N, C-alpha and C. Protein backbone atom coordinates (compact mmCIF):
# COMPACT_ATOMS: atom_id res chain seq x y z
N MET A 1 37.92 7.88 76.60
CA MET A 1 38.27 9.02 75.78
C MET A 1 39.46 9.73 76.44
N SER A 2 40.58 9.82 75.74
CA SER A 2 41.73 10.52 76.32
C SER A 2 41.69 11.98 75.86
N LEU A 3 41.77 12.86 76.82
CA LEU A 3 41.67 14.29 76.55
C LEU A 3 43.04 14.92 76.53
N LYS A 4 43.21 15.89 75.65
CA LYS A 4 44.45 16.65 75.54
C LYS A 4 44.15 18.13 75.69
N ILE A 5 45.04 18.83 76.34
CA ILE A 5 45.02 20.29 76.34
C ILE A 5 46.08 20.67 75.31
N ARG A 6 45.63 21.24 74.19
CA ARG A 6 46.57 21.50 73.12
C ARG A 6 46.27 22.79 72.40
N LEU A 7 47.17 23.16 71.49
CA LEU A 7 47.02 24.38 70.71
C LEU A 7 46.30 24.08 69.41
N SER A 8 45.38 24.95 69.05
CA SER A 8 44.68 24.86 67.77
C SER A 8 45.06 26.11 66.99
N ARG A 9 45.63 25.93 65.79
CA ARG A 9 46.20 27.06 65.06
C ARG A 9 45.14 27.82 64.29
N GLY A 10 45.30 29.11 64.32
CA GLY A 10 44.47 30.02 63.52
C GLY A 10 45.39 31.09 62.96
N GLY A 11 44.82 32.12 62.39
CA GLY A 11 45.63 33.20 61.86
C GLY A 11 45.99 32.97 60.41
N ALA A 12 46.61 33.97 59.82
CA ALA A 12 46.97 33.92 58.41
C ALA A 12 48.31 33.21 58.23
N LYS A 13 48.67 33.05 56.98
CA LYS A 13 49.95 32.42 56.65
C LYS A 13 51.09 33.25 57.25
N LYS A 14 51.98 32.58 57.94
CA LYS A 14 53.14 33.18 58.61
C LYS A 14 52.76 34.17 59.70
N ARG A 15 51.52 34.16 60.14
CA ARG A 15 51.04 34.99 61.24
C ARG A 15 50.23 34.12 62.19
N PRO A 16 50.89 33.20 62.93
CA PRO A 16 50.14 32.24 63.74
C PRO A 16 49.44 32.88 64.94
N PHE A 17 48.33 32.29 65.27
CA PHE A 17 47.57 32.64 66.46
C PHE A 17 46.96 31.33 66.95
N TYR A 18 47.09 31.03 68.23
CA TYR A 18 46.65 29.74 68.74
C TYR A 18 45.56 29.90 69.78
N ARG A 19 44.60 28.97 69.76
CA ARG A 19 43.63 28.83 70.83
C ARG A 19 44.07 27.64 71.67
N ILE A 20 43.96 27.75 72.96
CA ILE A 20 44.26 26.63 73.85
C ILE A 20 42.93 25.94 74.10
N VAL A 21 42.85 24.69 73.67
CA VAL A 21 41.57 23.98 73.71
C VAL A 21 41.72 22.63 74.41
N ILE A 22 40.59 22.12 74.86
CA ILE A 22 40.49 20.76 75.39
C ILE A 22 39.87 19.95 74.26
N ALA A 23 40.55 18.89 73.82
CA ALA A 23 40.05 18.09 72.70
C ALA A 23 40.33 16.62 72.94
N ASP A 24 39.54 15.80 72.28
CA ASP A 24 39.78 14.36 72.25
C ASP A 24 41.07 14.16 71.45
N SER A 25 41.93 13.29 71.90
CA SER A 25 43.23 13.11 71.24
C SER A 25 43.09 12.57 69.82
N ARG A 26 41.95 11.98 69.49
CA ARG A 26 41.75 11.41 68.16
C ARG A 26 41.30 12.45 67.14
N MET A 27 40.91 13.63 67.59
CA MET A 27 40.42 14.67 66.69
C MET A 27 41.59 15.41 66.04
N PRO A 28 41.38 16.00 64.85
CA PRO A 28 42.44 16.75 64.19
C PRO A 28 42.86 17.98 64.99
N ARG A 29 44.04 18.49 64.68
CA ARG A 29 44.61 19.62 65.42
C ARG A 29 43.66 20.82 65.44
N ASP A 30 43.13 21.19 64.29
CA ASP A 30 42.23 22.36 64.21
C ASP A 30 40.77 21.94 64.14
N GLY A 31 40.49 20.70 64.46
CA GLY A 31 39.14 20.17 64.32
C GLY A 31 38.29 20.37 65.56
N ARG A 32 37.43 19.39 65.80
CA ARG A 32 36.45 19.49 66.88
C ARG A 32 37.14 19.52 68.24
N PHE A 33 36.64 20.39 69.11
CA PHE A 33 37.17 20.47 70.46
C PHE A 33 36.02 20.57 71.44
N ILE A 34 36.32 20.32 72.71
CA ILE A 34 35.29 20.32 73.74
C ILE A 34 35.09 21.72 74.30
N GLU A 35 36.22 22.39 74.61
CA GLU A 35 36.13 23.70 75.24
C GLU A 35 37.37 24.51 74.94
N LYS A 36 37.19 25.81 74.74
CA LYS A 36 38.31 26.73 74.55
C LYS A 36 38.60 27.38 75.91
N ILE A 37 39.85 27.27 76.37
CA ILE A 37 40.17 27.83 77.69
C ILE A 37 41.14 29.01 77.62
N GLY A 38 41.64 29.34 76.43
CA GLY A 38 42.54 30.48 76.35
C GLY A 38 43.09 30.69 74.95
N THR A 39 43.99 31.68 74.86
CA THR A 39 44.64 31.99 73.59
C THR A 39 46.13 32.22 73.82
N PHE A 40 46.90 32.04 72.74
CA PHE A 40 48.35 32.26 72.78
C PHE A 40 48.75 32.92 71.47
N ASP A 41 49.41 34.08 71.57
CA ASP A 41 49.86 34.82 70.39
C ASP A 41 51.38 34.91 70.44
N PRO A 42 52.10 34.04 69.71
CA PRO A 42 53.56 34.02 69.79
C PRO A 42 54.24 35.24 69.16
N LEU A 43 53.51 36.04 68.41
CA LEU A 43 54.12 37.20 67.76
C LEU A 43 54.24 38.39 68.70
N LYS A 44 53.53 38.38 69.80
CA LYS A 44 53.62 39.48 70.77
C LYS A 44 54.87 39.31 71.62
N PRO A 45 55.38 40.42 72.17
CA PRO A 45 56.57 40.31 73.04
C PRO A 45 56.31 39.44 74.26
N LYS A 46 57.37 38.83 74.76
CA LYS A 46 57.23 37.89 75.88
C LYS A 46 56.69 38.55 77.15
N ASP A 47 56.92 39.83 77.32
CA ASP A 47 56.45 40.49 78.54
C ASP A 47 55.04 41.08 78.39
N ASP A 48 54.43 40.93 77.22
CA ASP A 48 53.08 41.44 76.98
C ASP A 48 52.05 40.54 77.67
N ALA A 49 51.11 41.14 78.38
CA ALA A 49 50.10 40.36 79.11
C ALA A 49 49.13 39.67 78.17
N ALA A 50 48.94 40.20 76.97
CA ALA A 50 47.99 39.61 76.02
C ALA A 50 48.61 38.47 75.22
N ARG A 51 49.88 38.18 75.43
CA ARG A 51 50.52 37.07 74.70
C ARG A 51 49.89 35.73 75.08
N LEU A 52 49.63 35.54 76.36
CA LEU A 52 49.02 34.31 76.85
C LEU A 52 47.84 34.67 77.75
N VAL A 53 46.65 34.33 77.28
CA VAL A 53 45.42 34.56 78.06
C VAL A 53 44.84 33.18 78.33
N LEU A 54 44.70 32.84 79.61
CA LEU A 54 44.26 31.49 79.97
C LEU A 54 43.37 31.53 81.19
N ASP A 55 42.30 30.74 81.17
CA ASP A 55 41.45 30.57 82.34
C ASP A 55 42.11 29.51 83.21
N VAL A 56 42.87 29.94 84.20
CA VAL A 56 43.68 29.05 85.02
C VAL A 56 42.82 28.05 85.79
N GLU A 57 41.68 28.51 86.29
CA GLU A 57 40.82 27.61 87.07
C GLU A 57 40.30 26.47 86.21
N GLN A 58 39.92 26.77 84.98
CA GLN A 58 39.43 25.71 84.10
C GLN A 58 40.56 24.76 83.72
N ALA A 59 41.76 25.30 83.51
CA ALA A 59 42.90 24.44 83.19
C ALA A 59 43.17 23.46 84.34
N LYS A 60 43.14 23.95 85.56
CA LYS A 60 43.35 23.08 86.72
C LYS A 60 42.24 22.03 86.82
N ALA A 61 41.00 22.44 86.54
CA ALA A 61 39.88 21.51 86.62
C ALA A 61 40.02 20.41 85.58
N TRP A 62 40.42 20.76 84.36
CA TRP A 62 40.57 19.74 83.31
C TRP A 62 41.75 18.81 83.61
N ILE A 63 42.82 19.35 84.18
CA ILE A 63 43.96 18.49 84.55
C ILE A 63 43.52 17.53 85.65
N ALA A 64 42.70 18.01 86.58
CA ALA A 64 42.19 17.14 87.64
C ALA A 64 41.29 16.04 87.08
N LYS A 65 40.62 16.33 85.96
CA LYS A 65 39.76 15.33 85.31
C LYS A 65 40.56 14.35 84.47
N GLY A 66 41.85 14.60 84.29
CA GLY A 66 42.69 13.66 83.57
C GLY A 66 43.18 14.13 82.21
N ALA A 67 42.93 15.36 81.84
CA ALA A 67 43.40 15.88 80.56
C ALA A 67 44.92 16.06 80.61
N GLN A 68 45.61 15.60 79.58
CA GLN A 68 47.07 15.68 79.52
C GLN A 68 47.48 16.84 78.61
N PRO A 69 48.28 17.79 79.10
CA PRO A 69 48.74 18.87 78.22
C PRO A 69 49.84 18.38 77.28
N THR A 70 49.88 18.95 76.09
CA THR A 70 50.98 18.66 75.18
C THR A 70 52.23 19.36 75.73
N ASP A 71 53.38 19.09 75.13
CA ASP A 71 54.63 19.65 75.64
C ASP A 71 54.61 21.17 75.62
N ARG A 72 54.17 21.77 74.53
CA ARG A 72 54.15 23.23 74.43
C ARG A 72 53.18 23.84 75.43
N VAL A 73 52.01 23.24 75.59
CA VAL A 73 51.04 23.76 76.55
C VAL A 73 51.56 23.57 77.97
N ALA A 74 52.27 22.48 78.22
CA ALA A 74 52.85 22.27 79.55
C ALA A 74 53.86 23.36 79.86
N ARG A 75 54.62 23.80 78.86
CA ARG A 75 55.56 24.91 79.06
C ARG A 75 54.81 26.19 79.41
N LEU A 76 53.71 26.44 78.70
CA LEU A 76 52.92 27.64 78.97
C LEU A 76 52.30 27.58 80.36
N LEU A 77 51.79 26.41 80.74
CA LEU A 77 51.20 26.26 82.07
C LEU A 77 52.26 26.41 83.16
N ASP A 78 53.47 25.99 82.86
CA ASP A 78 54.58 26.12 83.82
C ASP A 78 54.91 27.59 84.04
N THR A 79 54.86 28.41 82.99
CA THR A 79 55.15 29.83 83.16
C THR A 79 54.10 30.53 84.01
N LEU A 80 52.86 30.01 83.97
CA LEU A 80 51.79 30.59 84.79
C LEU A 80 51.76 29.99 86.19
N GLY A 81 52.51 28.92 86.42
CA GLY A 81 52.54 28.29 87.73
C GLY A 81 51.39 27.32 87.97
N VAL A 82 50.70 26.90 86.91
CA VAL A 82 49.58 25.97 87.06
C VAL A 82 50.09 24.57 87.36
N MET A 83 51.15 24.17 86.67
CA MET A 83 51.72 22.84 86.89
C MET A 83 53.23 22.92 86.74
N LYS A 84 53.91 21.93 87.27
CA LYS A 84 55.37 21.87 87.20
C LYS A 84 55.78 20.94 86.07
N ARG A 85 56.63 21.42 85.18
CA ARG A 85 57.11 20.61 84.06
C ARG A 85 58.59 20.32 84.30
N GLU A 86 58.95 19.05 84.22
CA GLU A 86 60.36 18.70 84.41
C GLU A 86 61.13 18.99 83.13
N ALA A 87 62.31 19.52 83.27
CA ALA A 87 63.16 19.81 82.12
C ALA A 87 63.66 18.51 81.53
N ARG A 88 63.66 18.45 80.20
CA ARG A 88 64.13 17.25 79.54
C ARG A 88 65.43 17.57 78.82
N SER A 89 66.35 16.62 78.87
CA SER A 89 67.63 16.80 78.21
C SER A 89 68.10 15.45 77.68
N ASN A 90 68.53 15.43 76.43
CA ASN A 90 69.05 14.21 75.84
C ASN A 90 70.41 14.52 75.24
N PRO A 91 71.50 14.44 76.04
CA PRO A 91 72.82 14.80 75.53
C PRO A 91 73.32 13.86 74.44
N GLU A 92 72.78 12.64 74.39
CA GLU A 92 73.21 11.69 73.36
C GLU A 92 72.78 12.15 71.97
N LYS A 93 71.67 12.86 71.89
CA LYS A 93 71.13 13.27 70.60
C LYS A 93 72.01 14.30 69.91
N SER A 94 72.70 15.14 70.68
CA SER A 94 73.50 16.20 70.09
C SER A 94 74.91 15.76 69.70
N LYS A 95 75.28 14.55 70.07
CA LYS A 95 76.61 14.06 69.70
C LYS A 95 76.69 13.81 68.21
N PRO A 96 77.88 13.98 67.60
CA PRO A 96 78.02 13.69 66.17
C PRO A 96 77.74 12.22 65.88
N LYS A 97 77.20 11.99 64.70
CA LYS A 97 76.87 10.62 64.31
C LYS A 97 78.13 9.91 63.79
N LYS A 98 77.99 8.68 63.35
CA LYS A 98 79.12 7.83 63.00
C LYS A 98 79.99 8.43 61.90
N LYS A 99 79.40 8.89 60.80
CA LYS A 99 80.18 9.44 59.69
C LYS A 99 80.93 10.70 60.11
N ALA A 100 80.28 11.56 60.89
CA ALA A 100 80.92 12.79 61.34
C ALA A 100 82.10 12.47 62.26
N GLN A 101 81.95 11.45 63.10
CA GLN A 101 83.06 11.04 63.97
C GLN A 101 84.22 10.51 63.14
N GLU A 102 83.91 9.74 62.08
CA GLU A 102 84.97 9.22 61.20
C GLU A 102 85.70 10.36 60.50
N ARG A 103 84.96 11.36 59.99
CA ARG A 103 85.57 12.51 59.33
C ARG A 103 86.46 13.29 60.30
N ALA A 104 85.99 13.47 61.54
CA ALA A 104 86.77 14.20 62.54
C ALA A 104 88.06 13.44 62.88
N ALA A 105 87.95 12.12 62.98
CA ALA A 105 89.14 11.31 63.26
C ALA A 105 90.11 11.37 62.09
N ALA A 106 89.62 11.33 60.86
CA ALA A 106 90.49 11.43 59.69
C ALA A 106 91.16 12.79 59.62
N ALA A 107 90.43 13.86 59.94
CA ALA A 107 91.00 15.21 59.92
C ALA A 107 92.06 15.34 60.99
N ALA A 108 91.83 14.75 62.17
CA ALA A 108 92.81 14.80 63.23
C ALA A 108 94.08 14.02 62.86
N ALA A 109 93.88 12.88 62.21
CA ALA A 109 95.04 12.09 61.77
C ALA A 109 95.82 12.83 60.70
N ALA A 110 95.14 13.49 59.79
CA ALA A 110 95.81 14.26 58.74
C ALA A 110 96.56 15.45 59.33
N ALA A 111 95.97 16.11 60.32
CA ALA A 111 96.65 17.24 60.96
C ALA A 111 97.88 16.76 61.73
N GLU A 112 97.77 15.59 62.36
CA GLU A 112 98.91 15.04 63.10
C GLU A 112 100.04 14.65 62.14
N ALA A 113 99.65 14.09 61.00
CA ALA A 113 100.66 13.71 59.99
C ALA A 113 101.33 14.95 59.41
N ALA A 114 100.59 16.02 59.25
CA ALA A 114 101.14 17.25 58.69
C ALA A 114 102.12 17.91 59.69
N ASP A 115 101.88 17.73 60.96
CA ASP A 115 102.75 18.32 62.00
C ASP A 115 104.11 17.59 62.05
N GLU A 116 104.11 16.31 61.71
CA GLU A 116 105.35 15.52 61.79
C GLU A 116 106.20 15.70 60.61
């Protein structure tokens, strides 16, 4: 059984509220979970103490048992200093695609022709 530490969404429409739960990876996002270890309220200011409430000791214990945090939960755990998350960067993804490069080359050629 592979365990995940992930967010389970609650709250009203356009007013999200998340529980941080330990769940089997095969279960639905808001479905059955093993244990609730905290809450996350993204609508509160970043400096508010109630924005992220987490039982740090239980999070460490579940990570020691092999539970893998999702990317968003790993970011939250990193802010609390529970675990270290490596920064990811993919500069290739932000480059213009083939058609955009062709359009840019055509625009540059047209501008060069207009200058002459």
